[in-house]
Amino acid sequence: MPLFKSINNRNNTQVFVWKITESEAFLRTDIELSQNSIDRLFTMSSELHRRGFLSIRHLLLHAGYTDLDLYYSEHGKPYLTDNKHISITHSFEFTAIIISDVPTGIDIEKQRDKIKRIAPKFIGYEQEFLATLDNPVKELTVVWGAKESMYKLYGKKGLGFKAHCLVESFTMKSDQTIARIIYEEDNLKFDVYFEEVENFMMAYVIPSRNG
């Protein structure tokens, strides 16, 4: 299908979401790939990963870019040649990108019960809030998405989800919350936006206006 959804709730930030229903052959049409992208695509053994990779290039077109405008640092962080900030995410049949004038990060995750089993690995500060909930799969997925997004934005080694990334309490109806990175000399505040996309949860972070 074409573009699944676009979001523009900040005048300097846009989110584009794709639901992958097309064949790999279809997704290879109407896009131009850099030699680096061709090489990366060739190494992907999973068809789903290749289709996700290609769908992200279609999202770039919707945002006014091509694959040739995208490059990666030695640590794998994506950048755009016009110096705007970009973050990319892929989970099963959904991909998304966020493009902003300010540093940003995005994550999309399938909602699954197994997140309750791995929660002790990334939940610390949030435990008191989450302990009041009967079945916090949605909330845990939001917290994970927010922390993954902050990790992508921050781009420095050593940042711990549990120790350094903190997410304030929220309700699912609110669609947003506040989060912080407290690490070494940094104390950074972010606005977190989240929403369900079918049976997935998407979260993205932008530096807080009230930072």
N, C-alpha and C. Protein backbone atom coordinates (compact mmCIF):
# COMPACT_ATOMS: atom_id res chain seq x y z
N MET A 1 0.84 -1.18 0.00
CA MET A 1 0.00 0.00 0.00
C MET A 1 0.88 1.24 0.00
N PRO A 2 0.34 2.39 -0.33
CA PRO A 2 1.14 3.62 -0.27
C PRO A 2 1.38 4.04 1.17
N LEU A 3 1.78 5.27 1.37
CA LEU A 3 2.04 5.80 2.70
C LEU A 3 0.88 5.48 3.64
N PHE A 4 1.18 4.87 4.79
CA PHE A 4 0.15 4.48 5.75
C PHE A 4 -0.34 5.66 6.58
N LYS A 5 0.62 6.51 6.99
CA LYS A 5 0.26 7.61 7.87
C LYS A 5 1.38 8.64 7.89
N SER A 6 1.00 9.91 8.03
CA SER A 6 1.98 10.96 8.29
C SER A 6 1.48 11.80 9.46
N ILE A 7 2.42 12.31 10.24
CA ILE A 7 2.10 13.08 11.45
C ILE A 7 2.95 14.34 11.44
N ASN A 8 2.33 15.44 11.80
CA ASN A 8 3.06 16.70 11.88
C ASN A 8 2.52 17.49 13.08
N ASN A 9 2.92 17.09 14.28
CA ASN A 9 2.43 17.78 15.48
C ASN A 9 3.45 18.77 16.06
N ARG A 10 4.51 18.96 15.34
CA ARG A 10 5.46 20.04 15.61
C ARG A 10 5.79 20.69 14.29
N ASN A 11 5.90 22.00 14.24
CA ASN A 11 6.09 22.65 12.94
C ASN A 11 7.46 22.39 12.35
N ASN A 12 8.36 21.80 13.11
CA ASN A 12 9.70 21.51 12.58
C ASN A 12 9.95 20.01 12.46
N THR A 13 8.90 19.17 12.58
CA THR A 13 9.08 17.73 12.67
C THR A 13 7.98 17.00 11.92
N GLN A 14 8.37 15.98 11.13
CA GLN A 14 7.40 15.17 10.42
C GLN A 14 7.71 13.69 10.62
N VAL A 15 6.63 12.90 10.76
CA VAL A 15 6.73 11.45 10.89
C VAL A 15 6.01 10.81 9.71
N PHE A 16 6.63 9.79 9.11
CA PHE A 16 6.03 9.07 8.00
C PHE A 16 6.05 7.58 8.32
N VAL A 17 4.92 6.90 8.14
CA VAL A 17 4.78 5.49 8.48
C VAL A 17 4.34 4.70 7.25
N TRP A 18 4.95 3.53 7.06
CA TRP A 18 4.63 2.65 5.93
C TRP A 18 4.23 1.28 6.45
N LYS A 19 3.16 0.72 5.92
CA LYS A 19 2.79 -0.67 6.20
C LYS A 19 3.21 -1.50 4.99
N ILE A 20 4.07 -2.48 5.23
CA ILE A 20 4.67 -3.23 4.12
C ILE A 20 3.72 -4.35 3.68
N THR A 21 3.04 -4.13 2.58
CA THR A 21 2.18 -5.16 1.99
C THR A 21 2.65 -5.53 0.58
N GLU A 22 3.58 -4.73 0.04
CA GLU A 22 4.00 -4.93 -1.34
C GLU A 22 5.09 -6.00 -1.45
N SER A 23 5.24 -6.51 -2.65
CA SER A 23 6.32 -7.46 -2.92
C SER A 23 7.66 -6.73 -2.97
N GLU A 24 8.73 -7.48 -2.82
CA GLU A 24 10.05 -6.88 -2.92
C GLU A 24 10.27 -6.27 -4.31
N ALA A 25 9.79 -6.97 -5.35
CA ALA A 25 9.95 -6.46 -6.71
C ALA A 25 9.25 -5.12 -6.88
N PHE A 26 8.06 -4.99 -6.33
CA PHE A 26 7.34 -3.71 -6.44
C PHE A 26 8.11 -2.60 -5.72
N LEU A 27 8.62 -2.91 -4.53
CA LEU A 27 9.30 -1.90 -3.74
C LEU A 27 10.63 -1.47 -4.36
N ARG A 28 11.16 -2.28 -5.25
CA ARG A 28 12.41 -1.91 -5.92
C ARG A 28 12.19 -0.88 -7.03
N THR A 29 10.92 -0.66 -7.41
CA THR A 29 10.63 0.27 -8.50
C THR A 29 10.55 1.71 -8.01
N ASP A 30 10.85 2.64 -8.89
CA ASP A 30 10.68 4.08 -8.65
C ASP A 30 11.59 4.64 -7.57
N ILE A 31 12.66 3.93 -7.23
CA ILE A 31 13.64 4.47 -6.27
C ILE A 31 15.04 4.30 -6.84
N GLU A 32 15.91 5.21 -6.45
CA GLU A 32 17.32 5.14 -6.82
C GLU A 32 18.12 4.84 -5.57
N LEU A 33 19.00 3.85 -5.65
CA LEU A 33 19.80 3.45 -4.50
C LEU A 33 21.26 3.80 -4.71
N SER A 34 21.90 4.24 -3.63
CA SER A 34 23.34 4.46 -3.67
C SER A 34 24.04 3.10 -3.72
N GLN A 35 25.30 3.11 -4.09
CA GLN A 35 26.04 1.85 -4.14
C GLN A 35 26.13 1.22 -2.76
N ASN A 36 26.25 2.04 -1.72
CA ASN A 36 26.29 1.53 -0.36
C ASN A 36 25.00 0.81 -0.01
N SER A 37 23.85 1.39 -0.41
CA SER A 37 22.56 0.76 -0.13
C SER A 37 22.40 -0.54 -0.91
N ILE A 38 22.86 -0.54 -2.16
CA ILE A 38 22.81 -1.78 -2.95
C ILE A 38 23.62 -2.87 -2.27
N ASP A 39 24.81 -2.51 -1.79
CA ASP A 39 25.66 -3.48 -1.09
C ASP A 39 24.99 -3.99 0.19
N ARG A 40 24.37 -3.09 0.94
CA ARG A 40 23.68 -3.49 2.17
C ARG A 40 22.51 -4.42 1.86
N LEU A 41 21.75 -4.07 0.85
CA LEU A 41 20.60 -4.88 0.46
C LEU A 41 21.03 -6.29 0.09
N PHE A 42 22.16 -6.39 -0.59
CA PHE A 42 22.68 -7.68 -1.05
C PHE A 42 23.03 -8.60 0.12
N THR A 43 23.41 -8.02 1.25
CA THR A 43 23.82 -8.83 2.41
C THR A 43 22.64 -9.29 3.26
N MET A 44 21.42 -8.78 3.00
CA MET A 44 20.26 -9.12 3.83
C MET A 44 19.65 -10.44 3.38
N SER A 45 19.68 -11.43 4.27
CA SER A 45 19.15 -12.75 3.92
C SER A 45 17.63 -12.82 4.07
N SER A 46 17.05 -11.94 4.90
CA SER A 46 15.61 -11.96 5.15
C SER A 46 14.88 -11.08 4.14
N GLU A 47 13.88 -11.66 3.47
CA GLU A 47 13.08 -10.87 2.53
C GLU A 47 12.35 -9.75 3.26
N LEU A 48 11.85 -10.03 4.48
CA LEU A 48 11.13 -8.99 5.23
C LEU A 48 12.04 -7.80 5.51
N HIS A 49 13.30 -8.07 5.84
CA HIS A 49 14.25 -6.98 6.09
C HIS A 49 14.53 -6.20 4.81
N ARG A 50 14.65 -6.91 3.70
CA ARG A 50 14.87 -6.21 2.43
C ARG A 50 13.66 -5.34 2.08
N ARG A 51 12.47 -5.86 2.28
CA ARG A 51 11.26 -5.08 1.99
C ARG A 51 11.16 -3.88 2.93
N GLY A 52 11.56 -4.07 4.18
CA GLY A 52 11.57 -2.94 5.11
C GLY A 52 12.57 -1.89 4.69
N PHE A 53 13.75 -2.32 4.31
CA PHE A 53 14.80 -1.41 3.85
C PHE A 53 14.32 -0.60 2.65
N LEU A 54 13.67 -1.26 1.69
CA LEU A 54 13.19 -0.58 0.50
C LEU A 54 12.03 0.35 0.81
N SER A 55 11.13 -0.06 1.73
CA SER A 55 9.99 0.80 2.06
C SER A 55 10.46 2.10 2.70
N ILE A 56 11.55 2.05 3.45
CA ILE A 56 12.10 3.27 4.04
C ILE A 56 12.55 4.23 2.95
N ARG A 57 13.05 3.71 1.84
CA ARG A 57 13.45 4.58 0.73
C ARG A 57 12.23 5.23 0.08
N HIS A 58 11.09 4.55 0.10
CA HIS A 58 9.85 5.16 -0.38
C HIS A 58 9.38 6.24 0.59
N LEU A 59 9.57 6.01 1.88
CA LEU A 59 9.23 7.05 2.87
C LEU A 59 10.08 8.29 2.65
N LEU A 60 11.35 8.10 2.32
CA LEU A 60 12.21 9.24 2.04
C LEU A 60 11.65 10.07 0.88
N LEU A 61 11.13 9.39 -0.14
CA LEU A 61 10.54 10.11 -1.27
C LEU A 61 9.36 10.96 -0.82
N HIS A 62 8.53 10.40 0.06
CA HIS A 62 7.39 11.16 0.58
C HIS A 62 7.85 12.39 1.36
N ALA A 63 9.02 12.30 1.96
CA ALA A 63 9.56 13.42 2.74
C ALA A 63 10.35 14.40 1.88
N GLY A 64 10.48 14.11 0.59
CA GLY A 64 11.19 15.02 -0.30
C GLY A 64 12.66 14.70 -0.47
N TYR A 65 13.07 13.48 -0.12
CA TYR A 65 14.47 13.07 -0.22
C TYR A 65 14.59 11.81 -1.09
N THR A 66 15.80 11.42 -1.35
CA THR A 66 16.08 10.13 -1.97
C THR A 66 17.12 9.40 -1.13
N ASP A 67 17.36 8.17 -1.48
CA ASP A 67 18.38 7.39 -0.77
C ASP A 67 19.74 8.05 -0.86
N LEU A 68 19.97 8.81 -1.92
CA LEU A 68 21.26 9.48 -2.10
C LEU A 68 21.47 10.61 -1.10
N ASP A 69 20.39 11.05 -0.46
CA ASP A 69 20.49 12.10 0.56
C ASP A 69 20.77 11.54 1.95
N LEU A 70 20.79 10.23 2.06
CA LEU A 70 20.94 9.56 3.35
C LEU A 70 22.32 8.93 3.46
N TYR A 71 22.97 9.16 4.62
CA TYR A 71 24.24 8.48 4.86
C TYR A 71 24.33 8.12 6.34
N TYR A 72 25.29 7.28 6.68
CA TYR A 72 25.42 6.75 8.03
C TYR A 72 26.80 7.03 8.60
N SER A 73 26.83 7.26 9.91
CA SER A 73 28.11 7.42 10.59
C SER A 73 28.76 6.05 10.77
N GLU A 74 29.98 6.05 11.25
CA GLU A 74 30.68 4.78 11.47
C GLU A 74 29.98 3.93 12.53
N HIS A 75 29.16 4.57 13.36
CA HIS A 75 28.42 3.83 14.39
C HIS A 75 27.01 3.46 13.93
N GLY A 76 26.69 3.74 12.66
CA GLY A 76 25.41 3.34 12.11
C GLY A 76 24.27 4.32 12.29
N LYS A 77 24.57 5.54 12.76
CA LYS A 77 23.53 6.54 12.94
C LYS A 77 23.26 7.23 11.61
N PRO A 78 21.97 7.36 11.23
CA PRO A 78 21.66 7.98 9.93
C PRO A 78 21.69 9.50 9.97
N TYR A 79 22.05 10.09 8.86
CA TYR A 79 22.08 11.55 8.70
C TYR A 79 21.56 11.91 7.31
N LEU A 80 21.12 13.15 7.17
CA LEU A 80 20.72 13.68 5.87
C LEU A 80 21.72 14.74 5.41
N THR A 81 21.90 14.83 4.11
CA THR A 81 22.91 15.73 3.58
C THR A 81 22.56 17.21 3.77
N ASP A 82 21.28 17.54 4.04
CA ASP A 82 20.92 18.94 4.26
C ASP A 82 21.01 19.33 5.74
N ASN A 83 21.57 18.42 6.56
CA ASN A 83 21.81 18.64 7.98
C ASN A 83 20.55 18.56 8.84
N LYS A 84 19.41 18.16 8.25
CA LYS A 84 18.26 17.87 9.10
C LYS A 84 18.50 16.53 9.80
N HIS A 85 17.80 16.35 10.91
CA HIS A 85 17.98 15.13 11.70
C HIS A 85 16.95 14.09 11.27
N ILE A 86 17.39 12.83 11.23
CA ILE A 86 16.50 11.74 10.84
C ILE A 86 16.71 10.56 11.77
N SER A 87 15.63 9.83 12.03
CA SER A 87 15.70 8.56 12.74
C SER A 87 14.80 7.58 12.01
N ILE A 88 15.17 6.31 12.06
CA ILE A 88 14.52 5.26 11.26
C ILE A 88 14.17 4.08 12.15
N THR A 89 13.02 3.44 11.90
CA THR A 89 12.66 2.25 12.67
C THR A 89 11.94 1.26 11.78
N HIS A 90 12.07 -0.02 12.12
CA HIS A 90 11.44 -1.10 11.35
C HIS A 90 11.08 -2.23 12.31
N SER A 91 9.83 -2.67 12.27
CA SER A 91 9.39 -3.81 13.07
C SER A 91 8.35 -4.60 12.28
N PHE A 92 8.71 -5.79 11.88
CA PHE A 92 7.82 -6.66 11.11
C PHE A 92 7.29 -5.93 9.88
N GLU A 93 5.96 -5.68 9.80
CA GLU A 93 5.40 -5.09 8.59
C GLU A 93 5.29 -3.57 8.63
N PHE A 94 5.86 -2.92 9.64
CA PHE A 94 5.81 -1.47 9.70
C PHE A 94 7.21 -0.86 9.70
N THR A 95 7.35 0.23 8.96
CA THR A 95 8.55 1.06 9.03
C THR A 95 8.12 2.50 9.24
N ALA A 96 9.02 3.29 9.79
CA ALA A 96 8.72 4.72 10.00
C ALA A 96 10.01 5.50 10.02
N ILE A 97 9.90 6.77 9.62
CA ILE A 97 11.01 7.70 9.75
C ILE A 97 10.49 8.98 10.39
N ILE A 98 11.37 9.69 11.06
CA ILE A 98 11.06 11.01 11.59
C ILE A 98 12.16 11.95 11.12
N ILE A 99 11.77 13.12 10.66
CA ILE A 99 12.71 14.13 10.17
C ILE A 99 12.42 15.44 10.88
N SER A 100 13.47 16.09 11.40
CA SER A 100 13.27 17.27 12.22
C SER A 100 14.45 18.23 12.10
N ASP A 101 14.19 19.47 12.49
CA ASP A 101 15.27 20.45 12.59
C ASP A 101 16.11 20.23 13.84
N VAL A 102 15.61 19.42 14.76
CA VAL A 102 16.29 19.18 16.04
C VAL A 102 16.58 17.68 16.18
N PRO A 103 17.52 17.30 17.04
CA PRO A 103 17.80 15.88 17.25
C PRO A 103 16.54 15.12 17.65
N THR A 104 16.38 13.93 17.11
CA THR A 104 15.15 13.18 17.34
C THR A 104 15.41 11.69 17.24
N GLY A 105 14.47 10.89 17.73
CA GLY A 105 14.57 9.44 17.63
C GLY A 105 13.18 8.85 17.57
N ILE A 106 13.04 7.71 16.91
CA ILE A 106 11.74 7.05 16.75
C ILE A 106 11.91 5.55 16.89
N ASP A 107 10.84 4.90 17.38
CA ASP A 107 10.85 3.44 17.50
C ASP A 107 9.42 2.93 17.33
N ILE A 108 9.28 1.81 16.66
CA ILE A 108 7.99 1.13 16.57
C ILE A 108 8.18 -0.32 16.96
N GLU A 109 7.30 -0.82 17.82
CA GLU A 109 7.44 -2.17 18.36
C GLU A 109 6.09 -2.88 18.34
N LYS A 110 6.13 -4.17 18.06
CA LYS A 110 4.94 -4.99 18.17
C LYS A 110 4.62 -5.19 19.65
N GLN A 111 3.34 -5.09 20.01
CA GLN A 111 2.94 -5.27 21.40
C GLN A 111 2.83 -6.77 21.70
N ARG A 112 3.68 -7.22 22.63
CA ARG A 112 3.71 -8.65 22.96
C ARG A 112 3.90 -8.83 24.46
N ASP A 113 3.31 -9.90 24.99
CA ASP A 113 3.38 -10.16 26.42
C ASP A 113 4.80 -10.38 26.91
N LYS A 114 5.69 -10.81 26.04
CA LYS A 114 7.05 -11.13 26.47
C LYS A 114 7.78 -9.90 27.01
N ILE A 115 7.26 -8.71 26.72
CA ILE A 115 7.93 -7.51 27.23
C ILE A 115 7.89 -7.48 28.76
N LYS A 116 6.90 -8.14 29.35
CA LYS A 116 6.82 -8.18 30.82
C LYS A 116 7.98 -9.01 31.40
N ARG A 117 8.44 -10.00 30.66
CA ARG A 117 9.54 -10.84 31.13
C ARG A 117 10.88 -10.11 31.08
N ILE A 118 11.04 -9.26 30.07
CA ILE A 118 12.33 -8.56 29.93
C ILE A 118 12.33 -7.19 30.60
N ALA A 119 11.17 -6.79 31.17
CA ALA A 119 11.06 -5.46 31.79
C ALA A 119 12.15 -5.16 32.82
N PRO A 120 12.54 -6.11 33.67
CA PRO A 120 13.58 -5.80 34.66
C PRO A 120 14.90 -5.33 34.05
N LYS A 121 15.12 -5.60 32.77
CA LYS A 121 16.35 -5.19 32.13
C LYS A 121 16.35 -3.70 31.75
N PHE A 122 15.15 -3.09 31.64
CA PHE A 122 15.13 -1.69 31.21
C PHE A 122 14.25 -0.78 32.08
N ILE A 123 13.57 -1.36 33.07
CA ILE A 123 12.70 -0.58 33.96
C ILE A 123 13.40 -0.36 35.29
N GLY A 124 13.52 0.89 35.71
CA GLY A 124 14.07 1.22 37.02
C GLY A 124 13.22 2.30 37.66
N TYR A 125 13.48 3.53 37.26
CA TYR A 125 12.73 4.69 37.75
C TYR A 125 11.22 4.52 37.57
N GLU A 126 10.80 3.83 36.53
CA GLU A 126 9.38 3.72 36.19
C GLU A 126 8.64 2.64 36.97
N GLN A 127 9.35 1.87 37.79
CA GLN A 127 8.74 0.71 38.44
C GLN A 127 7.55 1.08 39.33
N GLU A 128 7.66 2.15 40.07
CA GLU A 128 6.59 2.53 40.99
C GLU A 128 5.29 2.81 40.24
N PHE A 129 5.39 3.53 39.14
CA PHE A 129 4.22 3.83 38.31
C PHE A 129 3.64 2.56 37.67
N LEU A 130 4.50 1.73 37.11
CA LEU A 130 4.03 0.55 36.39
C LEU A 130 3.47 -0.51 37.33
N ALA A 131 3.93 -0.54 38.56
CA ALA A 131 3.46 -1.53 39.53
C ALA A 131 1.98 -1.36 39.87
N THR A 132 1.41 -0.20 39.59
CA THR A 132 -0.01 0.04 39.88
C THR A 132 -0.92 -0.50 38.78
N LEU A 133 -0.36 -1.00 37.69
CA LEU A 133 -1.15 -1.44 36.53
C LEU A 133 -1.29 -2.95 36.52
N ASP A 134 -2.46 -3.44 36.11
CA ASP A 134 -2.72 -4.88 36.11
C ASP A 134 -1.99 -5.62 34.99
N ASN A 135 -2.00 -5.07 33.80
CA ASN A 135 -1.39 -5.73 32.65
C ASN A 135 -0.73 -4.68 31.77
N PRO A 136 0.45 -4.22 32.16
CA PRO A 136 1.04 -3.03 31.53
C PRO A 136 1.79 -3.29 30.22
N VAL A 137 1.29 -4.14 29.36
CA VAL A 137 1.98 -4.41 28.10
C VAL A 137 2.10 -3.14 27.26
N LYS A 138 1.00 -2.40 27.13
CA LYS A 138 1.04 -1.18 26.33
C LYS A 138 2.01 -0.16 26.94
N GLU A 139 1.90 0.03 28.24
CA GLU A 139 2.74 1.02 28.91
C GLU A 139 4.23 0.64 28.84
N LEU A 140 4.52 -0.64 29.03
CA LEU A 140 5.91 -1.09 28.93
C LEU A 140 6.46 -0.88 27.52
N THR A 141 5.61 -1.10 26.54
CA THR A 141 6.05 -0.91 25.15
C THR A 141 6.30 0.56 24.86
N VAL A 142 5.49 1.44 25.46
CA VAL A 142 5.74 2.88 25.33
C VAL A 142 7.08 3.24 25.96
N VAL A 143 7.32 2.75 27.17
CA VAL A 143 8.57 3.07 27.87
C VAL A 143 9.77 2.55 27.07
N TRP A 144 9.68 1.32 26.60
CA TRP A 144 10.77 0.78 25.78
C TRP A 144 10.98 1.66 24.55
N GLY A 145 9.90 2.01 23.85
CA GLY A 145 10.01 2.83 22.65
C GLY A 145 10.62 4.19 22.92
N ALA A 146 10.24 4.79 24.04
CA ALA A 146 10.81 6.09 24.41
C ALA A 146 12.30 5.97 24.69
N LYS A 147 12.70 4.92 25.38
CA LYS A 147 14.12 4.75 25.71
C LYS A 147 14.94 4.39 24.48
N GLU A 148 14.38 3.55 23.62
CA GLU A 148 15.06 3.22 22.37
C GLU A 148 15.23 4.48 21.52
N SER A 149 14.20 5.32 21.50
CA SER A 149 14.27 6.57 20.73
C SER A 149 15.33 7.51 21.29
N MET A 150 15.41 7.62 22.62
CA MET A 150 16.43 8.46 23.24
C MET A 150 17.83 7.93 22.94
N TYR A 151 17.96 6.61 22.96
CA TYR A 151 19.25 5.99 22.66
C TYR A 151 19.69 6.32 21.24
N LYS A 152 18.74 6.24 20.29
CA LYS A 152 19.06 6.57 18.89
C LYS A 152 19.45 8.04 18.76
N LEU A 153 18.73 8.91 19.44
CA LEU A 153 18.99 10.34 19.38
C LEU A 153 20.36 10.67 19.98
N TYR A 154 20.64 10.08 21.12
CA TYR A 154 21.84 10.45 21.89
C TYR A 154 23.11 10.02 21.16
N GLY A 155 23.14 8.79 20.67
CA GLY A 155 24.23 8.34 19.83
C GLY A 155 25.59 8.23 20.49
N LYS A 156 25.62 8.05 21.81
CA LYS A 156 26.89 7.88 22.50
C LYS A 156 26.94 6.54 23.21
N LYS A 157 28.10 5.93 23.21
CA LYS A 157 28.25 4.64 23.87
C LYS A 157 28.15 4.79 25.39
N GLY A 158 27.69 3.74 26.03
CA GLY A 158 27.64 3.72 27.48
C GLY A 158 26.29 4.08 28.07
N LEU A 159 25.38 4.62 27.27
CA LEU A 159 24.07 5.00 27.77
C LEU A 159 23.25 3.75 28.10
N GLY A 160 22.75 3.69 29.33
CA GLY A 160 21.95 2.54 29.77
C GLY A 160 20.47 2.86 29.82
N PHE A 161 19.65 1.96 29.30
CA PHE A 161 18.19 2.17 29.33
C PHE A 161 17.69 2.29 30.77
N LYS A 162 18.16 1.43 31.63
CA LYS A 162 17.66 1.37 33.00
C LYS A 162 18.25 2.46 33.87
N ALA A 163 19.54 2.70 33.74
CA ALA A 163 20.23 3.62 34.64
C ALA A 163 20.14 5.08 34.22
N HIS A 164 20.08 5.34 32.92
CA HIS A 164 20.25 6.71 32.45
C HIS A 164 19.05 7.29 31.70
N CYS A 165 18.10 6.46 31.29
CA CYS A 165 16.92 6.93 30.54
C CYS A 165 15.69 6.81 31.43
N LEU A 166 15.06 7.93 31.74
CA LEU A 166 13.94 7.95 32.69
C LEU A 166 12.69 8.46 32.00
N VAL A 167 11.57 7.77 32.21
CA VAL A 167 10.30 8.14 31.59
C VAL A 167 9.27 8.43 32.68
N GLU A 168 8.67 9.61 32.61
CA GLU A 168 7.65 10.00 33.59
C GLU A 168 6.37 9.18 33.40
N SER A 169 5.55 9.10 34.46
CA SER A 169 4.28 8.38 34.40
C SER A 169 3.35 9.03 33.37
N PHE A 170 2.42 8.23 32.84
CA PHE A 170 1.51 8.71 31.81
C PHE A 170 0.29 7.80 31.77
N THR A 171 -0.73 8.23 31.05
CA THR A 171 -1.87 7.37 30.72
C THR A 171 -1.87 7.14 29.22
N MET A 172 -2.44 6.05 28.78
CA MET A 172 -2.47 5.77 27.35
C MET A 172 -3.29 6.82 26.61
N LYS A 173 -4.27 7.40 27.27
CA LYS A 173 -5.11 8.40 26.62
C LYS A 173 -4.35 9.71 26.38
N SER A 174 -3.31 9.94 27.15
CA SER A 174 -2.59 11.23 27.05
C SER A 174 -1.79 11.35 25.76
N ASP A 175 -1.31 10.23 25.23
CA ASP A 175 -0.53 10.20 23.99
C ASP A 175 0.83 10.87 24.10
N GLN A 176 1.21 11.33 25.29
CA GLN A 176 2.54 11.92 25.42
C GLN A 176 2.98 11.94 26.88
N THR A 177 4.28 12.11 27.06
CA THR A 177 4.85 12.21 28.40
C THR A 177 6.20 12.93 28.29
N ILE A 178 6.93 12.92 29.38
CA ILE A 178 8.25 13.55 29.46
C ILE A 178 9.28 12.47 29.78
N ALA A 179 10.47 12.61 29.22
CA ALA A 179 11.55 11.68 29.54
C ALA A 179 12.85 12.46 29.67
N ARG A 180 13.82 11.84 30.30
CA ARG A 180 15.12 12.48 30.49
C ARG A 180 16.25 11.49 30.25
N ILE A 181 17.35 12.02 29.80
CA ILE A 181 18.63 11.32 29.84
C ILE A 181 19.48 12.01 30.89
N ILE A 182 19.89 11.24 31.89
CA ILE A 182 20.81 11.74 32.91
C ILE A 182 22.05 10.85 32.86
N TYR A 183 23.10 11.38 32.27
CA TYR A 183 24.29 10.57 32.00
C TYR A 183 25.51 11.47 31.96
N GLU A 184 26.49 11.12 32.77
CA GLU A 184 27.72 11.91 32.89
C GLU A 184 27.36 13.38 33.13
N GLU A 185 27.74 14.28 32.24
CA GLU A 185 27.47 15.70 32.47
C GLU A 185 26.13 16.16 31.88
N ASP A 186 25.41 15.25 31.26
CA ASP A 186 24.17 15.62 30.56
C ASP A 186 22.93 15.39 31.41
N ASN A 187 22.02 16.35 31.37
CA ASN A 187 20.69 16.21 31.94
C ASN A 187 19.72 16.79 30.91
N LEU A 188 19.20 15.92 30.04
CA LEU A 188 18.44 16.34 28.87
C LEU A 188 16.97 15.96 29.02
N LYS A 189 16.09 16.86 28.65
CA LYS A 189 14.65 16.64 28.78
C LYS A 189 14.02 16.53 27.40
N PHE A 190 13.09 15.57 27.26
CA PHE A 190 12.46 15.32 25.97
C PHE A 190 10.94 15.23 26.10
N ASP A 191 10.26 15.68 25.07
CA ASP A 191 8.84 15.39 24.92
C ASP A 191 8.73 14.05 24.20
N VAL A 192 7.91 13.17 24.76
CA VAL A 192 7.68 11.85 24.17
C VAL A 192 6.26 11.81 23.62
N TYR A 193 6.12 11.43 22.37
CA TYR A 193 4.81 11.24 21.76
C TYR A 193 4.66 9.76 21.43
N PHE A 194 3.48 9.21 21.65
CA PHE A 194 3.28 7.80 21.34
C PHE A 194 1.85 7.56 20.86
N GLU A 195 1.68 6.50 20.08
CA GLU A 195 0.35 6.10 19.62
C GLU A 195 0.39 4.68 19.10
N GLU A 196 -0.76 4.03 19.18
CA GLU A 196 -0.89 2.68 18.65
C GLU A 196 -1.05 2.75 17.14
N VAL A 197 -0.38 1.86 16.46
CA VAL A 197 -0.53 1.69 15.02
C VAL A 197 -0.90 0.22 14.82
N GLU A 198 -2.21 -0.03 14.69
CA GLU A 198 -2.74 -1.39 14.71
C GLU A 198 -2.25 -2.07 16.00
N ASN A 199 -1.59 -3.23 15.90
CA ASN A 199 -1.13 -3.90 17.13
C ASN A 199 0.32 -3.58 17.47
N PHE A 200 0.79 -2.45 16.98
CA PHE A 200 2.13 -1.96 17.27
C PHE A 200 2.02 -0.68 18.10
N MET A 201 3.15 -0.29 18.71
CA MET A 201 3.23 0.96 19.44
C MET A 201 4.38 1.77 18.87
N MET A 202 4.08 3.00 18.50
CA MET A 202 5.11 3.89 17.99
C MET A 202 5.38 4.99 19.00
N ALA A 203 6.63 5.27 19.23
CA ALA A 203 7.03 6.36 20.13
C ALA A 203 8.16 7.15 19.49
N TYR A 204 8.16 8.45 19.72
CA TYR A 204 9.27 9.27 19.25
C TYR A 204 9.53 10.41 20.23
N VAL A 205 10.75 10.90 20.23
CA VAL A 205 11.17 11.91 21.19
C VAL A 205 11.77 13.12 20.47
N ILE A 206 11.51 14.29 21.06
CA ILE A 206 12.00 15.55 20.55
C ILE A 206 12.44 16.38 21.77
N PRO A 207 13.54 17.10 21.70
CA PRO A 207 13.93 17.93 22.85
C PRO A 207 12.78 18.79 23.32
N SER A 208 12.59 18.84 24.64
CA SER A 208 11.44 19.55 25.21
C SER A 208 11.52 21.04 24.96
N ARG A 209 10.38 21.64 24.69
CA ARG A 209 10.31 23.08 24.53
C ARG A 209 10.55 23.78 25.87
N ASN A 210 10.32 23.04 26.94
CA ASN A 210 10.48 23.59 28.28
C ASN A 210 11.70 22.98 28.98
N GLY A 211 12.71 22.72 28.19
CA GLY A 211 13.89 22.01 28.70
C GLY A 211 14.70 22.79 29.66
